[in-house]
Amino acid sequence: MSGTVALQKNSEWNFHGSIEGYHIKMKNTTGAGDSFVGALHGIIWEMLKFARACGAIIMTIKGAIPALPTKKEVLTVLKGGK
């Protein structure tokens, strides 16, 4: 069993924690890394779209804290609503 480790590169590598792997009967590791990176890319893309919608909404209201959107507002914008 292995897991995922989070590291950050500044002037040196810094350990930030780990996530335990899944208990599976491993038969083949070919493609495991590609699958991992592909899934990570997909979720990062969705996060960027969500963040972009948050930024768009907050620019329509005066003030910082009062302008922070709710999840429902962000999802409405993502679905093409206003």
PDB file of N, CA and C in Angstrom:
ATOM      1  N   MET A   1       0.847  -1.178   0.000  1.00  0.00           N
ATOM      2  CA  MET A   1       0.000   0.000   0.000  1.00  0.00           C
ATOM      3  C   MET A   1       0.887   1.234   0.000  1.00  0.00           C
ATOM      4  N   SER A   2       0.534   2.183  -0.828  1.00  0.00           N
ATOM      5  CA  SER A   2       1.235   3.461  -0.798  1.00  0.00           C
ATOM      6  C   SER A   2       0.187   4.548  -0.680  1.00  0.00           C
ATOM      7  N   GLY A   3       0.627   5.759  -0.662  1.00  0.00           N
ATOM      8  CA  GLY A   3      -0.299   6.870  -0.534  1.00  0.00           C
ATOM      9  C   GLY A   3       0.193   8.053  -1.315  1.00  0.00           C
ATOM     10  N   THR A   4      -0.253   9.231  -0.943  1.00  0.00           N
ATOM     11  CA  THR A   4       0.110  10.466  -1.610  1.00  0.00           C
ATOM     12  C   THR A   4       0.774  11.376  -0.599  1.00  0.00           C
ATOM     13  N   VAL A   5       1.868  11.987  -0.987  1.00  0.00           N
ATOM     14  CA  VAL A   5       2.598  12.903  -0.118  1.00  0.00           C
ATOM     15  C   VAL A   5       2.572  14.284  -0.746  1.00  0.00           C
ATOM     16  N   ALA A   6       2.312  15.308   0.056  1.00  0.00           N
ATOM     17  CA  ALA A   6       2.299  16.685  -0.431  1.00  0.00           C
ATOM     18  C   ALA A   6       3.614  17.357  -0.070  1.00  0.00           C
ATOM     19  N   LEU A   7       4.309  17.856  -1.085  1.00  0.00           N
ATOM     20  CA  LEU A   7       5.567  18.561  -0.903  1.00  0.00           C
ATOM     21  C   LEU A   7       5.472  19.925  -1.568  1.00  0.00           C
ATOM     22  N   GLN A   8       6.274  20.870  -1.084  1.00  0.00           N
ATOM     23  CA  GLN A   8       6.319  22.190  -1.696  1.00  0.00           C
ATOM     24  C   GLN A   8       7.771  22.564  -1.920  1.00  0.00           C
ATOM     25  N   LYS A   9       8.081  23.090  -3.098  1.00  0.00           N
ATOM     26  CA  LYS A   9       9.458  23.462  -3.422  1.00  0.00           C
ATOM     27  C   LYS A   9       9.608  24.969  -3.306  1.00  0.00           C
ATOM     28  N   ASN A  10      10.326  25.422  -2.311  1.00  0.00           N
ATOM     29  CA  ASN A  10      10.742  26.819  -2.209  1.00  0.00           C
ATOM     30  C   ASN A  10      12.244  26.778  -2.412  1.00  0.00           C
ATOM     31  N   SER A  11      12.990  27.120  -1.407  1.00  0.00           N
ATOM     32  CA  SER A  11      14.438  26.945  -1.497  1.00  0.00           C
ATOM     33  C   SER A  11      14.810  25.507  -1.158  1.00  0.00           C
ATOM     34  N   GLU A  12      13.864  24.773  -0.576  1.00  0.00           N
ATOM     35  CA  GLU A  12      14.064  23.364  -0.252  1.00  0.00           C
ATOM     36  C   GLU A  12      12.708  22.672  -0.271  1.00  0.00           C
ATOM     37  N   TRP A  13      12.729  21.348  -0.261  1.00  0.00           N
ATOM     38  CA  TRP A  13      11.463  20.605  -0.244  1.00  0.00           C
ATOM     39  C   TRP A  13      10.893  20.597   1.164  1.00  0.00           C
ATOM     40  N   ASN A  14       9.629  20.943   1.310  1.00  0.00           N
ATOM     41  CA  ASN A  14       8.959  20.974   2.609  1.00  0.00           C
ATOM     42  C   ASN A  14       7.832  19.953   2.620  1.00  0.00           C
ATOM     43  N   PHE A  15       7.798  19.128   3.635  1.00  0.00           N
ATOM     44  CA  PHE A  15       6.763  18.115   3.797  1.00  0.00           C
ATOM     45  C   PHE A  15       5.506  18.762   4.350  1.00  0.00           C
ATOM     46  N   HIS A  16       4.351  18.494   3.736  1.00  0.00           N
ATOM     47  CA  HIS A  16       3.092  19.072   4.190  1.00  0.00           C
ATOM     48  C   HIS A  16       2.073  18.046   4.650  1.00  0.00           C
ATOM     49  N   GLY A  17       2.369  16.774   4.533  1.00  0.00           N
ATOM     50  CA  GLY A  17       1.426  15.763   4.995  1.00  0.00           C
ATOM     51  C   GLY A  17       1.229  14.679   3.957  1.00  0.00           C
ATOM     52  N   SER A  18       0.434  13.707   4.323  1.00  0.00           N
ATOM     53  CA  SER A  18       0.201  12.598   3.411  1.00  0.00           C
ATOM     54  C   SER A  18      -1.233  12.105   3.550  1.00  0.00           C
ATOM     55  N   ILE A  19      -1.656  11.369   2.534  1.00  0.00           N
ATOM     56  CA  ILE A  19      -2.978  10.749   2.522  1.00  0.00           C
ATOM     57  C   ILE A  19      -2.750   9.259   2.331  1.00  0.00           C
ATOM     58  N   GLU A  20      -3.357   8.478   3.174  1.00  0.00           N
ATOM     59  CA  GLU A  20      -3.178   7.024   3.111  1.00  0.00           C
ATOM     60  C   GLU A  20      -3.706   6.476   1.793  1.00  0.00           C
ATOM     61  N   GLY A  21      -3.036   5.476   1.266  1.00  0.00           N
ATOM     62  CA  GLY A  21      -3.467   4.820   0.032  1.00  0.00           C
ATOM     63  C   GLY A  21      -4.625   3.869   0.283  1.00  0.00           C
ATOM     64  N   TYR A  22      -5.111   3.271  -0.792  1.00  0.00           N
ATOM     65  CA  TYR A  22      -6.217   2.318  -0.707  1.00  0.00           C
ATOM     66  C   TYR A  22      -5.679   0.897  -0.569  1.00  0.00           C
ATOM     67  N   HIS A  23      -6.386   0.084   0.172  1.00  0.00           N
ATOM     68  CA  HIS A  23      -6.029  -1.324   0.323  1.00  0.00           C
ATOM     69  C   HIS A  23      -6.617  -2.072  -0.877  1.00  0.00           C
ATOM     70  N   ILE A  24      -5.764  -2.466  -1.795  1.00  0.00           N
ATOM     71  CA  ILE A  24      -6.209  -3.128  -3.020  1.00  0.00           C
ATOM     72  C   ILE A  24      -5.328  -4.336  -3.293  1.00  0.00           C
ATOM     73  N   LYS A  25      -5.798  -5.227  -4.161  1.00  0.00           N
ATOM     74  CA  LYS A  25      -4.963  -6.314  -4.659  1.00  0.00           C
ATOM     75  C   LYS A  25      -4.306  -5.809  -5.939  1.00  0.00           C
ATOM     76  N   MET A  26      -3.053  -5.417  -5.836  1.00  0.00           N
ATOM     77  CA  MET A  26      -2.367  -4.832  -6.972  1.00  0.00           C
ATOM     78  C   MET A  26      -1.946  -5.909  -7.958  1.00  0.00           C
ATOM     79  N   LYS A  27      -2.264  -5.686  -9.233  1.00  0.00           N
ATOM     80  CA  LYS A  27      -1.871  -6.606 -10.289  1.00  0.00           C
ATOM     81  C   LYS A  27      -0.934  -5.930 -11.287  1.00  0.00           C
ATOM     82  N   ASN A  28      -1.034  -4.608 -11.407  1.00  0.00           N
ATOM     83  CA  ASN A  28      -0.264  -3.900 -12.410  1.00  0.00           C
ATOM     84  C   ASN A  28      -0.229  -2.417 -12.055  1.00  0.00           C
ATOM     85  N   THR A  29       0.930  -1.800 -12.093  1.00  0.00           N
ATOM     86  CA  THR A  29       1.028  -0.373 -11.778  1.00  0.00           C
ATOM     87  C   THR A  29       1.086   0.493 -13.030  1.00  0.00           C
ATOM     88  N   THR A  30       1.125  -0.128 -14.204  1.00  0.00           N
ATOM     89  CA  THR A  30       1.214   0.631 -15.445  1.00  0.00           C
ATOM     90  C   THR A  30       0.015   1.566 -15.581  1.00  0.00           C
ATOM     91  N   GLY A  31       0.276   2.821 -15.788  1.00  0.00           N
ATOM     92  CA  GLY A  31      -0.784   3.809 -15.965  1.00  0.00           C
ATOM     93  C   GLY A  31      -1.278   4.441 -14.682  1.00  0.00           C
ATOM     94  N   ALA A  32      -0.813   3.971 -13.535  1.00  0.00           N
ATOM     95  CA  ALA A  32      -1.300   4.523 -12.259  1.00  0.00           C
ATOM     96  C   ALA A  32      -0.947   6.002 -12.131  1.00  0.00           C
ATOM     97  N   GLY A  33       0.287   6.337 -12.457  1.00  0.00           N
ATOM     98  CA  GLY A  33       0.716   7.734 -12.369  1.00  0.00           C
ATOM     99  C   GLY A  33       0.003   8.612 -13.377  1.00  0.00           C
ATOM    100  N   ASP A  34      -0.158   8.110 -14.600  1.00  0.00           N
ATOM    101  CA  ASP A  34      -0.868   8.866 -15.631  1.00  0.00           C
ATOM    102  C   ASP A  34      -2.314   9.119 -15.220  1.00  0.00           C
ATOM    103  N   SER A  35      -2.947   8.113 -14.658  1.00  0.00           N
ATOM    104  CA  SER A  35      -4.322   8.250 -14.198  1.00  0.00           C
ATOM    105  C   SER A  35      -4.422   9.272 -13.073  1.00  0.00           C
ATOM    106  N   PHE A  36      -3.471   9.221 -12.141  1.00  0.00           N
ATOM    107  CA  PHE A  36      -3.430  10.149 -11.014  1.00  0.00           C
ATOM    108  C   PHE A  36      -3.314  11.585 -11.518  1.00  0.00           C
ATOM    109  N   VAL A  37      -2.354  11.817 -12.399  1.00  0.00           N
ATOM    110  CA  VAL A  37      -2.124  13.174 -12.907  1.00  0.00           C
ATOM    111  C   VAL A  37      -3.314  13.653 -13.736  1.00  0.00           C
ATOM    112  N   GLY A  38      -3.908  12.765 -14.528  1.00  0.00           N
ATOM    113  CA  GLY A  38      -5.069  13.140 -15.312  1.00  0.00           C
ATOM    114  C   GLY A  38      -6.237  13.558 -14.435  1.00  0.00           C
ATOM    115  N   ALA A  39      -6.471  12.807 -13.381  1.00  0.00           N
ATOM    116  CA  ALA A  39      -7.557  13.148 -12.455  1.00  0.00           C
ATOM    117  C   ALA A  39      -7.264  14.463 -11.741  1.00  0.00           C
ATOM    118  N   LEU A  40      -6.016  14.653 -11.352  1.00  0.00           N
ATOM    119  CA  LEU A  40      -5.613  15.893 -10.688  1.00  0.00           C
ATOM    120  C   LEU A  40      -5.800  17.079 -11.620  1.00  0.00           C
ATOM    121  N   HIS A  41      -5.421  16.912 -12.873  1.00  0.00           N
ATOM    122  CA  HIS A  41      -5.603  17.978 -13.860  1.00  0.00           C
ATOM    123  C   HIS A  41      -7.074  18.339 -13.997  1.00  0.00           C
ATOM    124  N   GLY A  42      -7.917  17.317 -14.052  1.00  0.00           N
ATOM    125  CA  GLY A  42      -9.353  17.560 -14.199  1.00  0.00           C
ATOM    126  C   GLY A  42      -9.933  18.334 -13.026  1.00  0.00           C
ATOM    127  N   ILE A  43      -9.553  17.968 -11.825  1.00  0.00           N
ATOM    128  CA  ILE A  43     -10.112  18.642 -10.648  1.00  0.00           C
ATOM    129  C   ILE A  43      -9.550  20.051 -10.501  1.00  0.00           C
ATOM    130  N   ILE A  44      -8.300  20.248 -10.868  1.00  0.00           N
ATOM    131  CA  ILE A  44      -7.708  21.593 -10.818  1.00  0.00           C
ATOM    132  C   ILE A  44      -8.428  22.493 -11.815  1.00  0.00           C
ATOM    133  N   TRP A  45      -8.743  21.965 -12.996  1.00  0.00           N
ATOM    134  CA  TRP A  45      -9.470  22.731 -14.000  1.00  0.00           C
ATOM    135  C   TRP A  45     -10.828  23.179 -13.454  1.00  0.00           C
ATOM    136  N   GLU A  46     -11.524  22.284 -12.763  1.00  0.00           N
ATOM    137  CA  GLU A  46     -12.823  22.628 -12.173  1.00  0.00           C
ATOM    138  C   GLU A  46     -12.659  23.671 -11.067  1.00  0.00           C
ATOM    139  N   MET A  47     -11.601  23.553 -10.287  1.00  0.00           N
ATOM    140  CA  MET A  47     -11.335  24.530  -9.224  1.00  0.00           C
ATOM    141  C   MET A  47     -11.076  25.913  -9.819  1.00  0.00           C
ATOM    142  N   LEU A  48     -10.330  25.966 -10.918  1.00  0.00           N
ATOM    143  CA  LEU A  48     -10.046  27.251 -11.566  1.00  0.00           C
ATOM    144  C   LEU A  48     -11.319  27.894 -12.098  1.00  0.00           C
ATOM    145  N   LYS A  49     -12.209  27.107 -12.659  1.00  0.00           N
ATOM    146  CA  LYS A  49     -13.480  27.658 -13.154  1.00  0.00           C
ATOM    147  C   LYS A  49     -14.311  28.200 -11.985  1.00  0.00           C
ATOM    148  N   PHE A  50     -14.327  27.467 -10.872  1.00  0.00           N
ATOM    149  CA  PHE A  50     -15.066  27.901  -9.681  1.00  0.00           C
ATOM    150  C   PHE A  50     -14.478  29.209  -9.147  1.00  0.00           C
ATOM    151  N   ALA A  51     -13.150  29.274  -9.051  1.00  0.00           N
ATOM    152  CA  ALA A  51     -12.484  30.476  -8.550  1.00  0.00           C
ATOM    153  C   ALA A  51     -12.725  31.667  -9.473  1.00  0.00           C
ATOM    154  N   ARG A  52     -12.714  31.420 -10.781  1.00  0.00           N
ATOM    155  CA  ARG A  52     -12.971  32.489 -11.757  1.00  0.00           C
ATOM    156  C   ARG A  52     -14.380  33.043 -11.568  1.00  0.00           C
ATOM    157  N   ALA A  53     -15.362  32.183 -11.322  1.00  0.00           N
ATOM    158  CA  ALA A  53     -16.726  32.637 -11.087  1.00  0.00           C
ATOM    159  C   ALA A  53     -16.811  33.451  -9.792  1.00  0.00           C
ATOM    160  N   CYS A  54     -16.097  33.025  -8.757  1.00  0.00           N
ATOM    161  CA  CYS A  54     -16.069  33.791  -7.494  1.00  0.00           C
ATOM    162  C   CYS A  54     -15.542  35.199  -7.744  1.00  0.00           C
ATOM    163  N   GLY A  55     -14.449  35.294  -8.493  1.00  0.00           N
ATOM    164  CA  GLY A  55     -13.862  36.597  -8.803  1.00  0.00           C
ATOM    165  C   GLY A  55     -14.806  37.476  -9.595  1.00  0.00           C
ATOM    166  N   ALA A  56     -15.536  36.880 -10.538  1.00  0.00           N
ATOM    167  CA  ALA A  56     -16.482  37.654 -11.339  1.00  0.00           C
ATOM    168  C   ALA A  56     -17.617  38.189 -10.483  1.00  0.00           C
ATOM    169  N   ILE A  57     -18.136  37.362  -9.589  1.00  0.00           N
ATOM    170  CA  ILE A  57     -19.252  37.780  -8.734  1.00  0.00           C
ATOM    171  C   ILE A  57     -18.829  38.890  -7.792  1.00  0.00           C
ATOM    172  N   ILE A  58     -17.679  38.763  -7.181  1.00  0.00           N
ATOM    173  CA  ILE A  58     -17.261  39.734  -6.161  1.00  0.00           C
ATOM    174  C   ILE A  58     -17.036  41.127  -6.755  1.00  0.00           C
ATOM    175  N   MET A  59     -16.756  41.187  -8.051  1.00  0.00           N
ATOM    176  CA  MET A  59     -16.549  42.496  -8.688  1.00  0.00           C
ATOM    177  C   MET A  59     -17.857  43.234  -8.942  1.00  0.00           C
ATOM    178  N   THR A  60     -19.000  42.592  -8.695  1.00  0.00           N
ATOM    179  CA  THR A  60     -20.287  43.233  -8.947  1.00  0.00           C
ATOM    180  C   THR A  60     -20.888  43.880  -7.706  1.00  0.00           C
ATOM    181  N   ILE A  61     -20.225  43.745  -6.558  1.00  0.00           N
ATOM    182  CA  ILE A  61     -20.758  44.249  -5.293  1.00  0.00           C
ATOM    183  C   ILE A  61     -19.662  45.020  -4.565  1.00  0.00           C
ATOM    184  N   LYS A  62     -20.019  46.152  -3.955  1.00  0.00           N
ATOM    185  CA  LYS A  62     -19.036  46.938  -3.201  1.00  0.00           C
ATOM    186  C   LYS A  62     -18.678  46.241  -1.901  1.00  0.00           C
ATOM    187  N   GLY A  63     -17.429  46.372  -1.506  1.00  0.00           N
ATOM    188  CA  GLY A  63     -16.967  45.797  -0.253  1.00  0.00           C
ATOM    189  C   GLY A  63     -16.411  44.402  -0.477  1.00  0.00           C
ATOM    190  N   ALA A  64     -15.521  43.999   0.406  1.00  0.00           N
ATOM    191  CA  ALA A  64     -14.885  42.693   0.255  1.00  0.00           C
ATOM    192  C   ALA A  64     -15.734  41.579   0.870  1.00  0.00           C
ATOM    193  N   ILE A  65     -15.961  41.659   2.157  1.00  0.00           N
ATOM    194  CA  ILE A  65     -16.678  40.585   2.852  1.00  0.00           C
ATOM    195  C   ILE A  65     -18.131  40.487   2.396  1.00  0.00           C
ATOM    196  N   PRO A  66     -18.861  41.601   2.295  1.00  0.00           N
ATOM    197  CA  PRO A  66     -20.255  41.482   1.851  1.00  0.00           C
ATOM    198  C   PRO A  66     -20.386  40.920   0.429  1.00  0.00           C
ATOM    199  N   ALA A  67     -19.349  41.049  -0.368  1.00  0.00           N
ATOM    200  CA  ALA A  67     -19.407  40.610  -1.766  1.00  0.00           C
ATOM    201  C   ALA A  67     -19.042  39.144  -1.946  1.00  0.00           C
ATOM    202  N   LEU A  68     -18.536  38.486  -0.915  1.00  0.00           N
ATOM    203  CA  LEU A  68     -18.154  37.083  -1.058  1.00  0.00           C
ATOM    204  C   LEU A  68     -19.376  36.253  -1.445  1.00  0.00           C
ATOM    205  N   PRO A  69     -19.272  35.502  -2.534  1.00  0.00           N
ATOM    206  CA  PRO A  69     -20.433  34.751  -3.005  1.00  0.00           C
ATOM    207  C   PRO A  69     -20.664  33.464  -2.218  1.00  0.00           C
ATOM    208  N   THR A  70     -21.902  33.031  -2.238  1.00  0.00           N
ATOM    209  CA  THR A  70     -22.234  31.723  -1.670  1.00  0.00           C
ATOM    210  C   THR A  70     -21.951  30.654  -2.729  1.00  0.00           C
ATOM    211  N   LYS A  71     -21.901  29.421  -2.313  1.00  0.00           N
ATOM    212  CA  LYS A  71     -21.697  28.323  -3.259  1.00  0.00           C
ATOM    213  C   LYS A  71     -22.829  28.302  -4.281  1.00  0.00           C
ATOM    214  N   LYS A  72     -24.054  28.549  -3.825  1.00  0.00           N
ATOM    215  CA  LYS A  72     -25.212  28.554  -4.719  1.00  0.00           C
ATOM    216  C   LYS A  72     -25.056  29.630  -5.792  1.00  0.00           C
ATOM    217  N   GLU A  73     -24.582  30.817  -5.409  1.00  0.00           N
ATOM    218  CA  GLU A  73     -24.381  31.896  -6.378  1.00  0.00           C
ATOM    219  C   GLU A  73     -23.318  31.518  -7.411  1.00  0.00           C
ATOM    220  N   VAL A  74     -22.248  30.906  -6.947  1.00  0.00           N
ATOM    221  CA  VAL A  74     -21.177  30.501  -7.850  1.00  0.00           C
ATOM    222  C   VAL A  74     -21.686  29.440  -8.824  1.00  0.00           C
ATOM    223  N   LEU A  75     -22.410  28.465  -8.323  1.00  0.00           N
ATOM    224  CA  LEU A  75     -22.938  27.404  -9.187  1.00  0.00           C
ATOM    225  C   LEU A  75     -23.913  27.959 -10.216  1.00  0.00           C
ATOM    226  N   THR A  76     -24.672  28.971  -9.833  1.00  0.00           N
ATOM    227  CA  THR A  76     -25.590  29.621 -10.782  1.00  0.00           C
ATOM    228  C   THR A  76     -24.815  30.263 -11.927  1.00  0.00           C
ATOM    229  N   VAL A  77     -23.735  30.971 -11.602  1.00  0.00           N
ATOM    230  CA  VAL A  77     -22.903  31.581 -12.631  1.00  0.00           C
ATOM    231  C   VAL A  77     -22.265  30.508 -13.519  1.00  0.00           C
ATOM    232  N   LEU A  78     -21.800  29.439 -12.915  1.00  0.00           N
ATOM    233  CA  LEU A  78     -21.186  28.364 -13.684  1.00  0.00           C
ATOM    234  C   LEU A  78     -22.164  27.703 -14.651  1.00  0.00           C
ATOM    235  N   LYS A  79     -23.440  27.729 -14.286  1.00  0.00           N
ATOM    236  CA  LYS A  79     -24.463  27.140 -15.161  1.00  0.00           C
ATOM    237  C   LYS A  79     -24.961  28.145 -16.202  1.00  0.00           C
ATOM    238  N   GLY A  80     -24.360  29.331 -16.227  1.00  0.00           N
ATOM    239  CA  GLY A  80     -24.727  30.330 -17.219  1.00  0.00           C
ATOM    240  C   GLY A  80     -25.739  31.355 -16.737  1.00  0.00           C
ATOM    241  N   GLY A  81     -26.075  31.314 -15.457  1.00  0.00           N
ATOM    242  CA  GLY A  81     -27.016  32.279 -14.909  1.00  0.00           C
ATOM    243  C   GLY A  81     -26.330  33.555 -14.488  1.00  0.00           C
ATOM    244  N   LYS A  82     -27.103  34.478 -13.976  1.00  0.00           N
ATOM    245  CA  LYS A  82     -26.533  35.764 -13.531  1.00  0.00           C
ATOM    246  C   LYS A  82     -26.812  35.978 -12.058  1.00  0.00           C
TER     247      LYS A  82
END
